[in-house]
Amino acid sequence: NIGGVHRTSGELQKALEKYNEALLIRRAIDDRIGEAETLNHIGLVYDSLGETRKALDKFNEALTLSRAVGDRYGEGATLLRIARVEQIRGALTQAHQTIEQAVGVVESLRADIREEQRASYSASRREYYESYIDIMAERHRQDQAAGFDAAAFAVSERARARSLLELLTESRAGIRQGVDSSLLERERSLRQLLNAKAAAQFALLNRKHTPAQADAFA
């Protein structure tokens, strides 16, 4: 926390000192989730210093730890940070692949959240989709014939449509009152299909895949 105050105040070297002190304690007590969190903070400081290579190293250390302990929320957040640094470094192909993995984690976690809480969850993860679209837009500027603009638009529209449906559910708008039972059953089936698709997307994006395979989930 002291490191965080220094970082907010722009005292980045002091922030590094305190984060590294905290890191030693986290490791001494085998707090691997806390260790990953502190590594992420150190990575963010290096990113602010413009030392993107060191930032990536710390983020990748954190990612390995998050995956080892099954911290999916931490994994997603770290993947987002890695994608942003890769984008800054101009490694757009790697940034694209990494943000796909991050979105895959978000989608997978969303499927396990209660229906009435999904709108709040999606709103809190909006930056993942914004980064995805931003990276795709930058790739489009470099290669306008590759269709990255269409893919970015599809992701944006899908997210907007889903947010509307989730907001209606969370607000308890009662849109199901008086609806034919066959339509309600169709809705239930579609929701199950979306959840299954999100799980399949996560599995694909976390192993070697082609751009065409990833686009199939758009």
Protein backbone atom coordinates (compact mmCIF):
# COMPACT_ATOMS: atom_id res chain seq x y z
CA ASN A 1 0.00 0.00 0.00
CA ILE A 2 2.88 2.38 0.70
CA GLY A 3 4.24 1.49 -2.73
CA GLY A 4 0.86 2.37 -4.20
CA VAL A 5 0.91 5.80 -2.55
CA HIS A 6 4.38 6.48 -3.97
CA ARG A 7 3.24 5.33 -7.42
CA THR A 8 0.17 7.57 -7.33
CA SER A 9 2.39 10.47 -6.27
CA GLY A 10 4.73 9.86 -9.19
CA GLU A 11 7.59 8.70 -6.93
CA LEU A 12 8.23 5.62 -9.03
CA GLN A 13 11.62 4.59 -7.67
CA LYS A 14 10.31 4.75 -4.10
CA ALA A 15 7.32 2.71 -5.24
CA LEU A 16 9.66 0.06 -6.65
CA GLU A 17 11.55 -0.12 -3.37
CA LYS A 18 8.40 -0.71 -1.34
CA TYR A 19 6.92 -3.19 -3.82
CA ASN A 20 10.14 -5.19 -3.78
CA GLU A 21 10.09 -5.22 0.03
CA ALA A 22 6.52 -6.50 -0.11
CA LEU A 23 7.51 -9.10 -2.72
CA LEU A 24 10.10 -10.63 -0.37
CA ILE A 25 7.49 -10.95 2.38
CA ARG A 26 4.91 -12.46 0.03
CA ARG A 27 7.45 -15.08 -1.04
CA ALA A 28 8.57 -15.78 2.51
CA ILE A 29 5.05 -16.71 3.58
CA ASP A 30 4.27 -18.49 0.28
CA ASP A 31 1.42 -16.11 -0.57
CA ARG A 32 1.41 -16.80 -4.29
CA ILE A 33 -1.74 -14.84 -5.11
CA GLY A 34 -0.29 -11.87 -3.24
CA GLU A 35 3.05 -12.40 -4.95
CA ALA A 36 1.37 -12.23 -8.36
CA GLU A 37 -0.46 -9.06 -7.32
CA THR A 38 2.79 -7.39 -6.24
CA LEU A 39 4.55 -8.48 -9.44
CA ASN A 40 1.73 -6.83 -11.38
CA HIS A 41 2.26 -3.59 -9.44
CA ILE A 42 5.99 -3.71 -10.18
CA GLY A 43 5.21 -4.31 -13.85
CA LEU A 44 2.95 -1.26 -13.90
CA VAL A 45 5.72 0.89 -12.43
CA TYR A 46 8.17 -0.29 -15.08
CA ASP A 47 5.53 0.45 -17.71
CA SER A 48 5.20 4.00 -16.35
CA LEU A 49 8.99 4.33 -16.50
CA GLY A 50 8.92 3.30 -20.16
CA GLU A 51 10.84 0.10 -19.41
CA THR A 52 8.43 -2.14 -21.28
CA ARG A 53 10.73 -5.18 -21.42
CA LYS A 54 11.01 -5.26 -17.63
CA ALA A 55 7.26 -4.67 -17.36
CA LEU A 56 6.57 -7.69 -19.59
CA ASP A 57 8.95 -9.85 -17.55
CA LYS A 58 7.10 -9.01 -14.32
CA PHE A 59 3.68 -9.48 -15.89
CA ASN A 60 4.69 -12.87 -17.27
CA GLU A 61 5.96 -13.93 -13.85
CA ALA A 62 2.61 -12.89 -12.39
CA LEU A 63 0.74 -14.75 -15.13
CA THR A 64 2.59 -17.98 -14.40
CA LEU A 65 1.73 -17.70 -10.70
CA SER A 66 -1.94 -16.87 -11.32
CA ARG A 67 -2.32 -19.88 -13.57
CA ALA A 68 -0.50 -22.13 -11.12
CA VAL A 69 -2.94 -21.31 -8.30
CA GLY A 70 -6.03 -21.12 -10.51
CA ASP A 71 -6.63 -17.40 -9.97
CA ARG A 72 -8.67 -16.74 -13.11
CA TYR A 73 -9.46 -13.12 -12.26
CA GLY A 74 -5.77 -12.41 -11.75
CA GLU A 75 -4.94 -14.26 -14.95
CA GLY A 76 -7.34 -12.16 -17.00
CA ALA A 77 -6.12 -8.86 -15.55
CA THR A 78 -2.49 -9.76 -16.20
CA LEU A 79 -3.20 -10.83 -19.78
CA LEU A 80 -4.83 -7.45 -20.39
CA ARG A 81 -1.73 -5.66 -19.10
CA ILE A 82 0.56 -7.82 -21.24
CA ALA A 83 -1.54 -7.08 -24.34
CA ARG A 84 -1.35 -3.34 -23.71
CA VAL A 85 2.43 -3.40 -23.31
CA GLU A 86 2.82 -5.53 -26.44
CA GLN A 87 0.70 -2.98 -28.30
CA ILE A 88 2.91 -0.14 -27.07
CA ARG A 89 5.97 -2.05 -28.24
CA GLY A 90 4.38 -2.45 -31.68
CA ALA A 91 4.05 -6.22 -31.39
CA LEU A 92 0.46 -6.16 -32.65
CA THR A 93 0.22 -9.83 -33.59
CA GLN A 94 1.23 -10.86 -30.06
CA ALA A 95 -1.01 -8.17 -28.57
CA HIS A 96 -3.93 -9.50 -30.62
CA GLN A 97 -3.33 -13.08 -29.47
CA THR A 98 -2.94 -12.02 -25.83
CA ILE A 99 -6.06 -9.86 -25.71
CA GLU A 100 -8.01 -12.75 -27.24
CA GLN A 101 -6.89 -14.89 -24.32
CA ALA A 102 -7.86 -12.15 -21.86
CA VAL A 103 -11.35 -11.85 -23.37
CA GLY A 104 -11.61 -15.63 -23.32
CA VAL A 105 -11.01 -15.62 -19.56
CA VAL A 106 -13.61 -12.87 -19.09
CA GLU A 107 -16.18 -14.79 -21.13
CA SER A 108 -15.47 -18.01 -19.28
CA LEU A 109 -15.88 -16.35 -15.87
CA ARG A 110 -19.03 -14.57 -17.00
CA ALA A 111 -20.69 -17.91 -17.73
CA ASP A 112 -20.38 -18.86 -14.04
CA ILE A 113 -21.91 -15.65 -12.69
CA ARG A 114 -25.56 -15.47 -11.66
CA GLU A 115 -27.73 -14.09 -14.44
CA GLU A 116 -28.92 -11.06 -12.51
CA GLN A 117 -25.32 -10.03 -11.73
CA ARG A 118 -23.88 -10.32 -15.23
CA ALA A 119 -24.56 -6.73 -16.29
CA SER A 120 -22.48 -5.43 -13.39
CA TYR A 121 -19.73 -7.92 -14.17
CA SER A 122 -19.69 -7.02 -17.87
CA ALA A 123 -19.54 -3.30 -17.06
CA SER A 124 -16.55 -3.88 -14.81
CA ARG A 125 -14.75 -5.71 -17.63
CA ARG A 126 -15.49 -3.19 -20.38
CA GLU A 127 -11.81 -2.24 -20.71
CA TYR A 128 -11.02 -5.71 -22.05
CA TYR A 129 -13.29 -5.22 -25.04
CA GLU A 130 -12.11 -1.64 -25.53
CA SER A 131 -8.50 -2.83 -25.69
CA TYR A 132 -9.48 -5.64 -28.06
CA ILE A 133 -11.18 -3.19 -30.41
CA ASP A 134 -8.29 -0.70 -30.14
CA ILE A 135 -5.74 -3.35 -31.08
CA MET A 136 -7.88 -4.56 -33.97
CA ALA A 137 -8.30 -0.97 -35.20
CA GLU A 138 -4.54 -0.45 -35.12
CA ARG A 139 -4.00 -3.67 -37.05
CA HIS A 140 -6.54 -2.45 -39.59
CA ARG A 141 -4.60 0.77 -40.07
CA GLN A 142 -1.54 -1.33 -40.95
CA ASP A 143 -3.37 -3.82 -43.16
CA GLN A 144 -6.72 -2.54 -44.42
CA ALA A 145 -7.41 -5.62 -46.52
CA ALA A 146 -7.23 -8.13 -43.67
CA GLY A 147 -10.75 -7.52 -42.30
CA PHE A 148 -9.69 -6.43 -38.82
CA ASP A 149 -12.17 -3.54 -38.93
CA ALA A 150 -15.10 -5.91 -39.52
CA ALA A 151 -13.93 -8.17 -36.70
CA ALA A 152 -13.63 -5.20 -34.33
CA PHE A 153 -17.13 -4.03 -35.28
CA ALA A 154 -18.56 -7.52 -34.67
CA VAL A 155 -16.99 -7.69 -31.22
CA SER A 156 -18.32 -4.22 -30.36
CA GLU A 157 -21.86 -5.00 -31.49
CA ARG A 158 -21.92 -8.36 -29.72
CA ALA A 159 -20.80 -6.73 -26.47
CA ARG A 160 -23.40 -3.95 -26.81
CA ALA A 161 -26.25 -6.38 -27.47
CA ARG A 162 -25.26 -8.60 -24.58
CA SER A 163 -24.96 -5.62 -22.22
CA LEU A 164 -28.50 -4.52 -23.10
CA LEU A 165 -29.95 -7.95 -22.40
CA GLU A 166 -28.06 -8.27 -19.14
CA LEU A 167 -29.10 -4.79 -18.04
CA LEU A 168 -32.75 -5.63 -18.65
CA THR A 169 -32.36 -8.80 -16.61
CA GLU A 170 -30.55 -7.07 -13.76
CA SER A 171 -33.12 -4.27 -13.57
CA ARG A 172 -35.87 -6.88 -13.22
CA ALA A 173 -37.76 -5.24 -16.08
CA GLY A 174 -40.20 -8.15 -16.25
CA ILE A 175 -39.79 -8.58 -19.99
CA ARG A 176 -40.73 -12.26 -19.71
CA GLN A 177 -44.23 -11.65 -18.36
CA GLY A 178 -46.85 -13.00 -20.72
CA VAL A 179 -44.25 -14.45 -23.10
CA ASP A 180 -45.07 -17.75 -24.75
CA SER A 181 -43.45 -20.71 -22.98
CA SER A 182 -41.85 -21.91 -26.21
CA LEU A 183 -40.01 -18.58 -26.55
CA LEU A 184 -38.82 -18.78 -22.95
CA GLU A 185 -37.50 -22.26 -23.64
CA ARG A 186 -35.77 -20.94 -26.76
CA GLU A 187 -34.15 -18.18 -24.68
CA ARG A 188 -32.92 -20.74 -22.13
CA SER A 189 -31.42 -22.86 -24.91
CA LEU A 190 -29.68 -19.85 -26.45
CA ARG A 191 -28.20 -18.86 -23.11
CA GLN A 192 -26.86 -22.38 -22.64
CA LEU A 193 -25.38 -22.20 -26.14
CA LEU A 194 -23.69 -18.85 -25.37
CA ASN A 195 -22.20 -20.27 -22.18
CA ALA A 196 -20.93 -23.34 -24.01
CA LYS A 197 -19.49 -21.15 -26.76
CA ALA A 198 -17.70 -18.97 -24.19
CA ALA A 199 -16.15 -22.05 -22.59
CA ALA A 200 -15.07 -23.38 -26.00
CA GLN A 201 -13.63 -19.97 -26.91
CA PHE A 202 -11.58 -19.90 -23.73
CA ALA A 203 -10.23 -23.38 -24.40
CA LEU A 204 -9.27 -22.43 -27.97
CA LEU A 205 -7.63 -19.10 -27.16
CA ASN A 206 -5.45 -20.68 -24.50
CA ARG A 207 -3.83 -23.09 -26.93
CA LYS A 208 -2.19 -22.62 -30.31
CA HIS A 209 -4.78 -21.54 -32.89
CA THR A 210 -5.14 -19.84 -36.25
CA PRO A 211 -6.77 -16.41 -36.80
CA ALA A 212 -9.54 -18.15 -38.70
CA GLN A 213 -10.33 -20.38 -35.72
CA ALA A 214 -10.51 -17.35 -33.42
CA ASP A 215 -12.72 -15.44 -35.86
CA ALA A 216 -15.17 -18.36 -35.90
CA PHE A 217 -16.19 -17.35 -32.37
CA ALA A 218 -16.88 -13.71 -33.27
